[in-house]
Amino acid sequence: MTPLVRATLAALLLIAGTASAADQQLETRFSCSVARTVDGEKVIYADNGEISLAGSHIDAFRWESSLFRSTHGFDCSIDESDGLVAEVRDAAPMVQWRIALKDANDARTRRGYDFDRLPRCTIRLEREGDTLNVKPSCPALCGSRPNFSELSVNLKTGQCRYEE
């Protein structure tokens, strides 16, 4: 092998081994639920979603999160029609996305909520190996409870774990 061929091959291997954050992709669907006892009352959490991201481009993002009690329940959903933007960061061995609303007040108003909340909503997605951690912070979008459940999903088995 000539020095030029060896140098070209080394450069190609280096390029192939250094994928940028913009090259990171996430494609998943999940459906999770768990029953717990909270303050002596049975509570059911139920979440389902579909996420398709290519770098900071959102191909699909839909998530519905519900909390049911014996006397009442709450649900909230978010999708591309809410005006979402995404940022991606490769923090090897983890890839992180931050999904946010362009205008949380507008999204809340379109949903029929007219009370004041902090004007933000972010959902952090952290993929490490086969695990996707979903960490929401959305006081601005729906009702009075924390709007979405924090959970982890095994991307291979689909098994979910809710954070306490």
C-alpha atoms as a PDB file:
ATOM      1  CA  MET A   1       0.000   0.000   0.000  1.00  0.00           C
ATOM      2  CA  THR A   2       1.422   3.366  -1.002  1.00  0.00           C
ATOM      3  CA  PRO A   3       1.699   6.237   1.501  1.00  0.00           C
ATOM      4  CA  LEU A   4      -1.008   8.170  -0.404  1.00  0.00           C
ATOM      5  CA  VAL A   5      -3.464   5.241  -0.261  1.00  0.00           C
ATOM      6  CA  ARG A   6      -2.635   4.682   3.420  1.00  0.00           C
ATOM      7  CA  ALA A   7      -3.229   8.385   4.225  1.00  0.00           C
ATOM      8  CA  THR A   8      -6.504   8.429   2.262  1.00  0.00           C
ATOM      9  CA  LEU A   9      -7.728   5.276   4.020  1.00  0.00           C
ATOM     10  CA  ALA A  10      -6.798   6.728   7.439  1.00  0.00           C
ATOM     11  CA  ALA A  11      -8.693   9.937   6.620  1.00  0.00           C
ATOM     12  CA  LEU A  12     -11.800   7.983   5.560  1.00  0.00           C
ATOM     13  CA  LEU A  13     -11.730   5.919   8.759  1.00  0.00           C
ATOM     14  CA  LEU A  14     -11.383   9.084  10.826  1.00  0.00           C
ATOM     15  CA  ILE A  15     -14.364  10.700   9.039  1.00  0.00           C
ATOM     16  CA  ALA A  16     -16.489   7.554   9.442  1.00  0.00           C
ATOM     17  CA  GLY A  17     -15.686   7.348  13.142  1.00  0.00           C
ATOM     18  CA  THR A  18     -16.599  10.943  13.960  1.00  0.00           C
ATOM     19  CA  ALA A  19     -20.302  11.318  13.241  1.00  0.00           C
ATOM     20  CA  SER A  20     -21.512  14.759  14.205  1.00  0.00           C
ATOM     21  CA  ALA A  21     -24.503  15.489  16.383  1.00  0.00           C
ATOM     22  CA  ALA A  22     -26.389  16.497  13.237  1.00  0.00           C
ATOM     23  CA  ASP A  23     -26.008  12.898  11.993  1.00  0.00           C
ATOM     24  CA  GLN A  24     -27.682  11.404  15.073  1.00  0.00           C
ATOM     25  CA  GLN A  25     -31.081   9.815  14.548  1.00  0.00           C
ATOM     26  CA  LEU A  26     -33.827   8.582  16.829  1.00  0.00           C
ATOM     27  CA  GLU A  27     -36.742   6.471  15.653  1.00  0.00           C
ATOM     28  CA  THR A  28     -39.047   4.984  18.289  1.00  0.00           C
ATOM     29  CA  ARG A  29     -42.600   4.304  19.374  1.00  0.00           C
ATOM     30  CA  PHE A  30     -43.542   3.564  22.957  1.00  0.00           C
ATOM     31  CA  SER A  31     -46.598   2.690  25.003  1.00  0.00           C
ATOM     32  CA  CYS A  32     -46.152   2.567  28.767  1.00  0.00           C
ATOM     33  CA  SER A  33     -48.298   2.360  31.878  1.00  0.00           C
ATOM     34  CA  VAL A  34     -47.877   1.727  35.578  1.00  0.00           C
ATOM     35  CA  ALA A  35     -50.188   1.656  38.598  1.00  0.00           C
ATOM     36  CA  ARG A  36     -48.955   3.078  41.889  1.00  0.00           C
ATOM     37  CA  THR A  37     -50.304   4.074  45.259  1.00  0.00           C
ATOM     38  CA  VAL A  38     -49.786   7.771  45.967  1.00  0.00           C
ATOM     39  CA  ASP A  39     -50.948   9.193  49.301  1.00  0.00           C
ATOM     40  CA  GLY A  40     -53.083   6.070  49.830  1.00  0.00           C
ATOM     41  CA  GLU A  41     -54.835   6.393  46.453  1.00  0.00           C
ATOM     42  CA  LYS A  42     -54.346   4.212  43.368  1.00  0.00           C
ATOM     43  CA  VAL A  43     -52.900   6.231  40.483  1.00  0.00           C
ATOM     44  CA  ILE A  44     -52.343   5.039  36.909  1.00  0.00           C
ATOM     45  CA  TYR A  45     -49.810   6.663  34.606  1.00  0.00           C
ATOM     46  CA  ALA A  46     -50.175   5.977  30.874  1.00  0.00           C
ATOM     47  CA  ASP A  47     -47.978   7.323  28.085  1.00  0.00           C
ATOM     48  CA  ASN A  48     -47.670   6.634  24.383  1.00  0.00           C
ATOM     49  CA  GLY A  49     -45.644   8.319  21.726  1.00  0.00           C
ATOM     50  CA  GLU A  50     -43.859   8.283  18.428  1.00  0.00           C
ATOM     51  CA  ILE A  51     -40.584  10.106  17.884  1.00  0.00           C
ATOM     52  CA  SER A  52     -38.593  10.397  14.672  1.00  0.00           C
ATOM     53  CA  LEU A  53     -35.626  12.779  14.706  1.00  0.00           C
ATOM     54  CA  ALA A  54     -32.772  13.262  12.265  1.00  0.00           C
ATOM     55  CA  GLY A  55     -30.291  15.562  13.946  1.00  0.00           C
ATOM     56  CA  SER A  56     -32.266  18.704  14.787  1.00  0.00           C
ATOM     57  CA  HIS A  57     -34.954  17.945  12.183  1.00  0.00           C
ATOM     58  CA  ILE A  58     -38.256  16.654  13.575  1.00  0.00           C
ATOM     59  CA  ASP A  59     -39.875  14.146  11.201  1.00  0.00           C
ATOM     60  CA  ALA A  60     -42.498  13.065  13.771  1.00  0.00           C
ATOM     61  CA  PHE A  61     -43.145  13.858  17.412  1.00  0.00           C
ATOM     62  CA  ARG A  62     -46.312  12.812  19.189  1.00  0.00           C
ATOM     63  CA  TRP A  63     -46.671  12.118  22.913  1.00  0.00           C
ATOM     64  CA  GLU A  64     -49.764  11.700  25.045  1.00  0.00           C
ATOM     65  CA  SER A  65     -49.335  11.462  28.799  1.00  0.00           C
ATOM     66  CA  SER A  66     -52.169  10.681  31.218  1.00  0.00           C
ATOM     67  CA  LEU A  67     -52.625  10.392  34.966  1.00  0.00           C
ATOM     68  CA  PHE A  68     -55.767   8.665  36.245  1.00  0.00           C
ATOM     69  CA  ARG A  69     -57.145   8.660  39.787  1.00  0.00           C
ATOM     70  CA  SER A  70     -60.328   6.994  41.015  1.00  0.00           C
ATOM     71  CA  THR A  71     -62.290  10.260  40.782  1.00  0.00           C
ATOM     72  CA  HIS A  72     -60.622  12.171  37.955  1.00  0.00           C
ATOM     73  CA  GLY A  73     -57.790  12.224  35.482  1.00  0.00           C
ATOM     74  CA  PHE A  74     -55.485  14.531  33.582  1.00  0.00           C
ATOM     75  CA  ASP A  75     -54.013  14.185  30.144  1.00  0.00           C
ATOM     76  CA  CYS A  76     -51.785  16.244  27.957  1.00  0.00           C
ATOM     77  CA  SER A  77     -50.399  15.763  24.503  1.00  0.00           C
ATOM     78  CA  ILE A  78     -47.789  17.406  22.341  1.00  0.00           C
ATOM     79  CA  ASP A  79     -47.011  17.037  18.652  1.00  0.00           C
ATOM     80  CA  GLU A  80     -45.460  18.811  15.683  1.00  0.00           C
ATOM     81  CA  SER A  81     -48.510  21.089  15.275  1.00  0.00           C
ATOM     82  CA  ASP A  82     -47.583  22.769  18.578  1.00  0.00           C
ATOM     83  CA  GLY A  83     -44.580  24.452  16.927  1.00  0.00           C
ATOM     84  CA  LEU A  84     -41.660  22.326  18.080  1.00  0.00           C
ATOM     85  CA  VAL A  85     -37.952  22.963  17.598  1.00  0.00           C
ATOM     86  CA  ALA A  86     -35.132  20.529  18.319  1.00  0.00           C
ATOM     87  CA  GLU A  87     -31.483  20.803  19.281  1.00  0.00           C
ATOM     88  CA  VAL A  88     -29.110  17.843  19.341  1.00  0.00           C
ATOM     89  CA  ARG A  89     -25.832  17.304  21.134  1.00  0.00           C
ATOM     90  CA  ASP A  90     -23.512  14.327  20.988  1.00  0.00           C
ATOM     91  CA  ALA A  91     -22.162  13.893  24.508  1.00  0.00           C
ATOM     92  CA  ALA A  92     -20.618  10.453  23.917  1.00  0.00           C
ATOM     93  CA  PRO A  93     -21.563   7.874  25.000  1.00  0.00           C
ATOM     94  CA  MET A  94     -24.927   9.670  25.207  1.00  0.00           C
ATOM     95  CA  VAL A  95     -26.835  11.594  22.534  1.00  0.00           C
ATOM     96  CA  GLN A  96     -29.100  14.342  23.833  1.00  0.00           C
ATOM     97  CA  TRP A  97     -31.984  16.142  22.164  1.00  0.00           C
ATOM     98  CA  ARG A  98     -33.855  19.115  23.566  1.00  0.00           C
ATOM     99  CA  ILE A  99     -37.359  19.565  22.157  1.00  0.00           C
ATOM    100  CA  ALA A 100     -38.983  22.920  22.886  1.00  0.00           C
ATOM    101  CA  LEU A 101     -42.054  24.924  21.922  1.00  0.00           C
ATOM    102  CA  LYS A 102     -41.370  27.974  19.762  1.00  0.00           C
ATOM    103  CA  ASP A 103     -44.202  29.810  21.548  1.00  0.00           C
ATOM    104  CA  ALA A 104     -45.587  28.052  24.633  1.00  0.00           C
ATOM    105  CA  ASN A 105     -48.193  30.747  25.304  1.00  0.00           C
ATOM    106  CA  ASP A 106     -49.620  30.406  21.785  1.00  0.00           C
ATOM    107  CA  ALA A 107     -49.724  26.598  22.038  1.00  0.00           C
ATOM    108  CA  ARG A 108     -51.505  26.815  25.405  1.00  0.00           C
ATOM    109  CA  THR A 109     -54.027  29.367  24.095  1.00  0.00           C
ATOM    110  CA  ARG A 110     -54.813  27.190  21.038  1.00  0.00           C
ATOM    111  CA  ARG A 111     -55.555  24.328  23.454  1.00  0.00           C
ATOM    112  CA  GLY A 112     -58.052  26.504  25.364  1.00  0.00           C
ATOM    113  CA  TYR A 113     -56.026  27.153  28.521  1.00  0.00           C
ATOM    114  CA  ASP A 114     -56.134  30.797  29.589  1.00  0.00           C
ATOM    115  CA  PHE A 115     -54.246  30.732  32.888  1.00  0.00           C
ATOM    116  CA  ASP A 116     -50.685  31.909  33.365  1.00  0.00           C
ATOM    117  CA  ARG A 117     -47.857  29.406  33.526  1.00  0.00           C
ATOM    118  CA  LEU A 118     -44.154  29.730  33.000  1.00  0.00           C
ATOM    119  CA  PRO A 119     -43.707  30.416  29.277  1.00  0.00           C
ATOM    120  CA  ARG A 120     -41.637  27.360  28.451  1.00  0.00           C
ATOM    121  CA  CYS A 121     -41.856  23.683  27.690  1.00  0.00           C
ATOM    122  CA  THR A 122     -38.882  21.446  27.059  1.00  0.00           C
ATOM    123  CA  ILE A 123     -38.483  17.724  26.729  1.00  0.00           C
ATOM    124  CA  ARG A 124     -34.990  16.298  27.040  1.00  0.00           C
ATOM    125  CA  LEU A 125     -34.336  12.997  25.309  1.00  0.00           C
ATOM    126  CA  GLU A 126     -31.157  11.166  26.286  1.00  0.00           C
ATOM    127  CA  ARG A 127     -30.198   8.031  24.383  1.00  0.00           C
ATOM    128  CA  GLU A 128     -27.470   5.899  25.869  1.00  0.00           C
ATOM    129  CA  GLY A 129     -27.096   2.492  24.266  1.00  0.00           C
ATOM    130  CA  ASP A 130     -30.535   0.858  24.148  1.00  0.00           C
ATOM    131  CA  THR A 131     -32.072   3.211  26.732  1.00  0.00           C
ATOM    132  CA  LEU A 132     -33.996   6.389  25.989  1.00  0.00           C
ATOM    133  CA  ASN A 133     -34.568   8.656  28.998  1.00  0.00           C
ATOM    134  CA  VAL A 134     -37.471  11.076  28.520  1.00  0.00           C
ATOM    135  CA  LYS A 135     -37.244  14.084  30.849  1.00  0.00           C
ATOM    136  CA  PRO A 136     -40.025  16.653  30.444  1.00  0.00           C
ATOM    137  CA  SER A 137     -40.323  20.102  31.952  1.00  0.00           C
ATOM    138  CA  CYS A 138     -43.599  21.489  30.611  1.00  0.00           C
ATOM    139  CA  PRO A 139     -45.474  23.661  33.102  1.00  0.00           C
ATOM    140  CA  ALA A 140     -46.778  25.778  30.218  1.00  0.00           C
ATOM    141  CA  LEU A 141     -48.754  23.443  28.007  1.00  0.00           C
ATOM    142  CA  CYS A 142     -51.807  21.818  29.628  1.00  0.00           C
ATOM    143  CA  GLY A 143     -53.474  21.640  33.011  1.00  0.00           C
ATOM    144  CA  SER A 144     -52.330  22.047  36.559  1.00  0.00           C
ATOM    145  CA  ARG A 145     -50.281  18.879  37.131  1.00  0.00           C
ATOM    146  CA  PRO A 146     -46.796  18.348  35.760  1.00  0.00           C
ATOM    147  CA  ASN A 147     -47.927  17.750  32.193  1.00  0.00           C
ATOM    148  CA  PHE A 148     -45.844  14.731  31.214  1.00  0.00           C
ATOM    149  CA  SER A 149     -44.346  11.763  33.051  1.00  0.00           C
ATOM    150  CA  GLU A 150     -40.612  11.221  33.302  1.00  0.00           C
ATOM    151  CA  LEU A 151     -39.778   7.751  32.046  1.00  0.00           C
ATOM    152  CA  SER A 152     -37.160   5.516  30.451  1.00  0.00           C
ATOM    153  CA  VAL A 153     -37.764   3.171  27.541  1.00  0.00           C
ATOM    154  CA  ASN A 154     -35.613   0.230  26.447  1.00  0.00           C
ATOM    155  CA  LEU A 155     -35.478   0.768  22.673  1.00  0.00           C
ATOM    156  CA  LYS A 156     -34.962  -2.947  21.942  1.00  0.00           C
ATOM    157  CA  THR A 157     -37.542  -4.524  24.276  1.00  0.00           C
ATOM    158  CA  GLY A 158     -40.013  -1.626  24.646  1.00  0.00           C
ATOM    159  CA  GLN A 159     -39.972  -2.083  28.428  1.00  0.00           C
ATOM    160  CA  CYS A 160     -40.706   1.143  30.324  1.00  0.00           C
ATOM    161  CA  ARG A 161     -39.691   2.430  33.725  1.00  0.00           C
ATOM    162  CA  TYR A 162     -41.354   5.432  35.341  1.00  0.00           C
ATOM    163  CA  GLU A 163     -39.296   7.715  37.536  1.00  0.00           C
ATOM    164  CA  GLU A 164     -40.532   8.160  41.102  1.00  0.00           C
END
